[in-house]
Amino acid sequence: MSTTWEELDPEAYSFTRTVADQMRGHDDRERFLEGVDVVLAGIVTTVRRTGTR
């Protein structure tokens, strides 16, 4: 998709073309897994503080 966005008219779609470059380096799976890690860390911290299991 980023390649298609880069082919758009630079004057009419300057913002979209800028975002296209950023999208190329973005990894949705990596971001998802980082989010899961944050949630799990929060659960572990809560369990340790409360002693709940």
PDB file of N, CA and C in Angstrom:
ATOM      1  N   MET A   1       0.820  -1.182   0.000  1.00  0.00           N
ATOM      2  CA  MET A   1       0.000   0.000   0.000  1.00  0.00           C
ATOM      3  C   MET A   1       0.875   1.260   0.000  1.00  0.00           C
ATOM      4  N   SER A   2       1.984   1.229   0.715  1.00  0.00           N
ATOM      5  CA  SER A   2       2.833   2.424   0.766  1.00  0.00           C
ATOM      6  C   SER A   2       3.370   2.791  -0.615  1.00  0.00           C
ATOM      7  N   THR A   3       3.634   1.784  -1.443  1.00  0.00           N
ATOM      8  CA  THR A   3       4.124   2.062  -2.797  1.00  0.00           C
ATOM      9  C   THR A   3       3.054   2.793  -3.601  1.00  0.00           C
ATOM     10  N   THR A   4       1.818   2.381  -3.475  1.00  0.00           N
ATOM     11  CA  THR A   4       0.706   3.032  -4.181  1.00  0.00           C
ATOM     12  C   THR A   4       0.562   4.473  -3.723  1.00  0.00           C
ATOM     13  N   TRP A   5       0.670   4.707  -2.424  1.00  0.00           N
ATOM     14  CA  TRP A   5       0.545   6.056  -1.903  1.00  0.00           C
ATOM     15  C   TRP A   5       1.679   6.948  -2.386  1.00  0.00           C
ATOM     16  N   GLU A   6       2.867   6.403  -2.531  1.00  0.00           N
ATOM     17  CA  GLU A   6       3.997   7.198  -3.010  1.00  0.00           C
ATOM     18  C   GLU A   6       3.826   7.620  -4.466  1.00  0.00           C
ATOM     19  N   GLU A   7       2.998   6.905  -5.200  1.00  0.00           N
ATOM     20  CA  GLU A   7       2.772   7.220  -6.605  1.00  0.00           C
ATOM     21  C   GLU A   7       1.724   8.314  -6.803  1.00  0.00           C
ATOM     22  N   LEU A   8       1.072   8.746  -5.738  1.00  0.00           N
ATOM     23  CA  LEU A   8       0.067   9.807  -5.835  1.00  0.00           C
ATOM     24  C   LEU A   8       0.724  11.143  -6.162  1.00  0.00           C
ATOM     25  N   ASP A   9      -0.072  12.061  -6.651  1.00  0.00           N
ATOM     26  CA  ASP A   9       0.400  13.404  -6.986  1.00  0.00           C
ATOM     27  C   ASP A   9       0.985  14.071  -5.738  1.00  0.00           C
ATOM     28  N   PRO A  10       2.264  14.461  -5.779  1.00  0.00           N
ATOM     29  CA  PRO A  10       2.914  15.030  -4.583  1.00  0.00           C
ATOM     30  C   PRO A  10       2.279  16.330  -4.091  1.00  0.00           C
ATOM     31  N   GLU A  11       1.716  17.116  -4.981  1.00  0.00           N
ATOM     32  CA  GLU A  11       1.099  18.378  -4.549  1.00  0.00           C
ATOM     33  C   GLU A  11      -0.269  18.142  -3.917  1.00  0.00           C
ATOM     34  N   ALA A  12      -1.026  17.234  -4.470  1.00  0.00           N
ATOM     35  CA  ALA A  12      -2.378  16.980  -3.973  1.00  0.00           C
ATOM     36  C   ALA A  12      -2.384  16.079  -2.741  1.00  0.00           C
ATOM     37  N   TYR A  13      -1.360  15.237  -2.597  1.00  0.00           N
ATOM     38  CA  TYR A  13      -1.336  14.248  -1.521  1.00  0.00           C
ATOM     39  C   TYR A  13      -0.011  14.261  -0.756  1.00  0.00           C
ATOM     40  N   SER A  14       0.451  15.433  -0.394  1.00  0.00           N
ATOM     41  CA  SER A  14       1.757  15.532   0.265  1.00  0.00           C
ATOM     42  C   SER A  14       1.779  14.793   1.608  1.00  0.00           C
ATOM     43  N   PHE A  15       0.708  14.929   2.396  1.00  0.00           N
ATOM     44  CA  PHE A  15       0.666  14.256   3.694  1.00  0.00           C
ATOM     45  C   PHE A  15       0.667  12.737   3.512  1.00  0.00           C
ATOM     46  N   THR A  16      -0.147  12.242   2.608  1.00  0.00           N
ATOM     47  CA  THR A  16      -0.248  10.802   2.368  1.00  0.00           C
ATOM     48  C   THR A  16       1.088  10.230   1.925  1.00  0.00           C
ATOM     49  N   ARG A  17       1.786  10.961   1.101  1.00  0.00           N
ATOM     50  CA  ARG A  17       3.094  10.491   0.645  1.00  0.00           C
ATOM     51  C   ARG A  17       4.099  10.456   1.789  1.00  0.00           C
ATOM     52  N   THR A  18       4.005  11.394   2.700  1.00  0.00           N
ATOM     53  CA  THR A  18       4.894  11.402   3.862  1.00  0.00           C
ATOM     54  C   THR A  18       4.611  10.201   4.766  1.00  0.00           C
ATOM     55  N   VAL A  19       3.351   9.906   4.985  1.00  0.00           N
ATOM     56  CA  VAL A  19       2.959   8.774   5.826  1.00  0.00           C
ATOM     57  C   VAL A  19       3.373   7.457   5.171  1.00  0.00           C
ATOM     58  N   ALA A  20       3.339   7.400   3.855  1.00  0.00           N
ATOM     59  CA  ALA A  20       3.708   6.172   3.133  1.00  0.00           C
ATOM     60  C   ALA A  20       5.121   5.735   3.496  1.00  0.00           C
ATOM     61  N   ASP A  21       6.017   6.670   3.635  1.00  0.00           N
ATOM     62  CA  ASP A  21       7.390   6.337   3.995  1.00  0.00           C
ATOM     63  C   ASP A  21       7.458   5.744   5.399  1.00  0.00           C
ATOM     64  N   GLN A  22       6.666   6.282   6.308  1.00  0.00           N
ATOM     65  CA  GLN A  22       6.641   5.776   7.679  1.00  0.00           C
ATOM     66  C   GLN A  22       6.007   4.394   7.749  1.00  0.00           C
ATOM     67  N   MET A  23       5.011   4.148   6.931  1.00  0.00           N
ATOM     68  CA  MET A  23       4.320   2.851   6.938  1.00  0.00           C
ATOM     69  C   MET A  23       5.248   1.709   6.535  1.00  0.00           C
ATOM     70  N   ARG A  24       6.154   2.000   5.660  1.00  0.00           N
ATOM     71  CA  ARG A  24       7.054   0.957   5.171  1.00  0.00           C
ATOM     72  C   ARG A  24       7.836   0.318   6.316  1.00  0.00           C
ATOM     73  N   GLY A  25       8.213   1.105   7.293  1.00  0.00           N
ATOM     74  CA  GLY A  25       8.996   0.594   8.409  1.00  0.00           C
ATOM     75  C   GLY A  25       8.169   0.141   9.600  1.00  0.00           C
ATOM     76  N   HIS A  26       6.853   0.270   9.524  1.00  0.00           N
ATOM     77  CA  HIS A  26       5.972  -0.079  10.640  1.00  0.00           C
ATOM     78  C   HIS A  26       5.638  -1.567  10.596  1.00  0.00           C
ATOM     79  N   ASP A  27       5.729  -2.207  11.745  1.00  0.00           N
ATOM     80  CA  ASP A  27       5.434  -3.636  11.840  1.00  0.00           C
ATOM     81  C   ASP A  27       4.257  -3.828  12.796  1.00  0.00           C
ATOM     82  N   ASP A  28       3.060  -4.079  12.243  1.00  0.00           N
ATOM     83  CA  ASP A  28       1.862  -4.235  13.067  1.00  0.00           C
ATOM     84  C   ASP A  28       2.000  -5.383  14.062  1.00  0.00           C
ATOM     85  N   ARG A  29       2.574  -6.484  13.633  1.00  0.00           N
ATOM     86  CA  ARG A  29       2.699  -7.641  14.518  1.00  0.00           C
ATOM     87  C   ARG A  29       3.582  -7.304  15.720  1.00  0.00           C
ATOM     88  N   GLU A  30       4.679  -6.626  15.447  1.00  0.00           N
ATOM     89  CA  GLU A  30       5.582  -6.236  16.531  1.00  0.00           C
ATOM     90  C   GLU A  30       4.879  -5.322  17.521  1.00  0.00           C
ATOM     91  N   ARG A  31       4.135  -4.358  17.029  1.00  0.00           N
ATOM     92  CA  ARG A  31       3.405  -3.430  17.903  1.00  0.00           C
ATOM     93  C   ARG A  31       2.338  -4.169  18.711  1.00  0.00           C
ATOM     94  N   PHE A  32       1.644  -5.112  18.084  1.00  0.00           N
ATOM     95  CA  PHE A  32       0.626  -5.897  18.773  1.00  0.00           C
ATOM     96  C   PHE A  32       1.253  -6.679  19.928  1.00  0.00           C
ATOM     97  N   LEU A  33       2.366  -7.341  19.644  1.00  0.00           N
ATOM     98  CA  LEU A  33       3.026  -8.140  20.671  1.00  0.00           C
ATOM     99  C   LEU A  33       3.547  -7.271  21.807  1.00  0.00           C
ATOM    100  N   GLU A  34       4.008  -6.074  21.498  1.00  0.00           N
ATOM    101  CA  GLU A  34       4.430  -5.152  22.551  1.00  0.00           C
ATOM    102  C   GLU A  34       3.246  -4.778  23.436  1.00  0.00           C
ATOM    103  N   GLY A  35       2.088  -4.577  22.831  1.00  0.00           N
ATOM    104  CA  GLY A  35       0.879  -4.270  23.594  1.00  0.00           C
ATOM    105  C   GLY A  35       0.482  -5.419  24.502  1.00  0.00           C
ATOM    106  N   VAL A  36       0.575  -6.636  23.995  1.00  0.00           N
ATOM    107  CA  VAL A  36       0.270  -7.817  24.805  1.00  0.00           C
ATOM    108  C   VAL A  36       1.233  -7.888  25.991  1.00  0.00           C
ATOM    109  N   ASP A  37       2.501  -7.617  25.757  1.00  0.00           N
ATOM    110  CA  ASP A  37       3.487  -7.622  26.842  1.00  0.00           C
ATOM    111  C   ASP A  37       3.129  -6.604  27.928  1.00  0.00           C
ATOM    112  N   VAL A  38       2.680  -5.434  27.520  1.00  0.00           N
ATOM    113  CA  VAL A  38       2.307  -4.399  28.496  1.00  0.00           C
ATOM    114  C   VAL A  38       1.114  -4.867  29.327  1.00  0.00           C
ATOM    115  N   VAL A  39       0.109  -5.437  28.679  1.00  0.00           N
ATOM    116  CA  VAL A  39      -1.070  -5.924  29.398  1.00  0.00           C
ATOM    117  C   VAL A  39      -0.687  -7.027  30.375  1.00  0.00           C
ATOM    118  N   LEU A  40       0.103  -7.978  29.919  1.00  0.00           N
ATOM    119  CA  LEU A  40       0.518  -9.079  30.802  1.00  0.00           C
ATOM    120  C   LEU A  40       1.358  -8.580  31.977  1.00  0.00           C
ATOM    121  N   ALA A  41       2.232  -7.630  31.727  1.00  0.00           N
ATOM    122  CA  ALA A  41       3.037  -7.068  32.814  1.00  0.00           C
ATOM    123  C   ALA A  41       2.141  -6.397  33.845  1.00  0.00           C
ATOM    124  N   GLY A  42       1.091  -5.728  33.387  1.00  0.00           N
ATOM    125  CA  GLY A  42       0.143  -5.102  34.305  1.00  0.00           C
ATOM    126  C   GLY A  42      -0.601  -6.129  35.144  1.00  0.00           C
ATOM    127  N   ILE A  43      -0.987  -7.231  34.522  1.00  0.00           N
ATOM    128  CA  ILE A  43      -1.668  -8.296  35.262  1.00  0.00           C
ATOM    129  C   ILE A  43      -0.744  -8.886  36.314  1.00  0.00           C
ATOM    130  N   VAL A  44       0.496  -9.177  35.929  1.00  0.00           N
ATOM    131  CA  VAL A  44       1.457  -9.756  36.870  1.00  0.00           C
ATOM    132  C   VAL A  44       1.689  -8.811  38.039  1.00  0.00           C
ATOM    133  N   THR A  45       1.846  -7.530  37.772  1.00  0.00           N
ATOM    134  CA  THR A  45       2.076  -6.555  38.831  1.00  0.00           C
ATOM    135  C   THR A  45       0.888  -6.503  39.791  1.00  0.00           C
ATOM    136  N   THR A  46      -0.313  -6.507  39.226  1.00  0.00           N
ATOM    137  CA  THR A  46      -1.521  -6.474  40.060  1.00  0.00           C
ATOM    138  C   THR A  46      -1.623  -7.699  40.935  1.00  0.00           C
ATOM    139  N   VAL A  47      -1.350  -8.864  40.377  1.00  0.00           N
ATOM    140  CA  VAL A  47      -1.409 -10.114  41.144  1.00  0.00           C
ATOM    141  C   VAL A  47      -0.376 -10.098  42.268  1.00  0.00           C
ATOM    142  N   ARG A  48       0.806  -9.624  41.980  1.00  0.00           N
ATOM    143  CA  ARG A  48       1.852  -9.591  43.011  1.00  0.00           C
ATOM    144  C   ARG A  48       1.485  -8.617  44.140  1.00  0.00           C
ATOM    145  N   ARG A  49       0.901  -7.479  43.789  1.00  0.00           N
ATOM    146  CA  ARG A  49       0.544  -6.489  44.806  1.00  0.00           C
ATOM    147  C   ARG A  49      -0.598  -6.959  45.684  1.00  0.00           C
ATOM    148  N   THR A  50      -1.562  -7.629  45.078  1.00  0.00           N
ATOM    149  CA  THR A  50      -2.756  -8.003  45.821  1.00  0.00           C
ATOM    150  C   THR A  50      -2.678  -9.415  46.397  1.00  0.00           C
ATOM    151  N   GLY A  51      -1.753 -10.207  45.883  1.00  0.00           N
ATOM    152  CA  GLY A  51      -1.640 -11.581  46.324  1.00  0.00           C
ATOM    153  C   GLY A  51      -2.731 -12.477  45.749  1.00  0.00           C
ATOM    154  N   THR A  52      -3.484 -11.935  44.793  1.00  0.00           N
ATOM    155  CA  THR A  52      -4.571 -12.675  44.163  1.00  0.00           C
ATOM    156  C   THR A  52      -4.013 -13.640  43.131  1.00  0.00           C
ATOM    157  N   ARG A  53      -4.615 -14.802  43.060  1.00  0.00           N
ATOM    158  CA  ARG A  53      -4.206 -15.774  42.050  1.00  0.00           C
ATOM    159  C   ARG A  53      -5.379 -16.362  41.387  1.00  0.00           C
TER     160      ARG A  53
END
